[in-house]
Amino acid sequence: MAQTQTAVIKPKEPRGKRKKPVSIGDIISYTILTIAAILVMMPLLWMFSTSLRPTTESFQLPPAWLPTQFRIENYLAPFESSVPFVGLFINSMRITVAVTLGQLVTCSLAGYAFARLRFPGRDLLFLLLLASLMVPGQVTIIPIFLLMRDLGLIDNPLAIILPGLISAFGVFLMRQFFKQMPQELFDAARVDGAGHIRSFMQIALPLAGPAMATLGIITFNATWNAYFLPLIFLNSWHKMTLPQGIALLTGYMGSGNPSVVMAAVTMAILPVLMIFLAAQRWIIEALTRSGIKG
């Protein structure tokens, strides 16, 4: 009698669980990225370390990464100084939120117009818009100052908010994102009788979440850290922004306490750092999508 042998059939390993062999190129790439990440983090670590050390150790040579004495009271000193740290924080937040919301509205509308609308001179106008990115802000500050003076907005937060309501980079980012959307979506909406406004509100805008989040974070960061425009337009003590207050903490000819200044800088970057860490995946996704199609 022939004996039947049962073959044991091993289940195939799912394709998604197959381990990809690590190549030499991957090891080199990870090593370079790790070194780059350490180099980027070193100034932040030095800033935090300096904010906790006594004043005398801030000028120590050779410098030490870790303080010998931890001074937590350095974080209370900005609030106890003559600089109204809380008021300046509120002023910066108001200006930053207003500029960020304004750019989200204007740049999304302009980006949709350049991507989906056809009108005479569209490409030329977009080319001129991109050319404005090469013009430094210091070049246009004199006509902007004269305009704000004629409008009576000197020493007024509106002198910073109004010029910041539009951004050439923001229009470019939103235009690239809207342009890579499938044309079939807008054709179907047109068949249903939807116009450009309805297509923008119900189709383009809901799909532009990553680009809107990216633009919002970039604008928030740039406006929050802005020092040049507030220095030009804001003169009153109670209307200044946080970067101006930190500059005042340095004292005349840099005679202020560097540990207290670093503590103020550490507290100032916390809002931007928290927002960036919470939405960094949207930044990568939006910047990647915006470069897929021209």
Foldseek 3Di string as FASTA:
>chain_A
DDDDDDDDDDDDDDPVPDDDDDDPVNVVVVVVVVVVVCVVCVVVLQLVQLLQADLVLVPDPPHDSHHPGGHPCLLVVLVVDPAPQVLQAVLLVVLLVLLLVLALVVLLVLLCCLQPPDDPCSVVVLVVLVVCVPPDPVVCVVVLVVVCVVVVQFQHSVSVRVVSSHHSVSNLLNNLLQNLDDPVLVVVCVVVVDDPVCCSVPPSVVVCVLSSLQSSLVSSVCSLQDDVSQVGRHDDSSNGHNVVSLVVQCPDPSPHRSSSSSSSVVVSCVVSVVSCVVNVVSNVVSVVSSPPDD
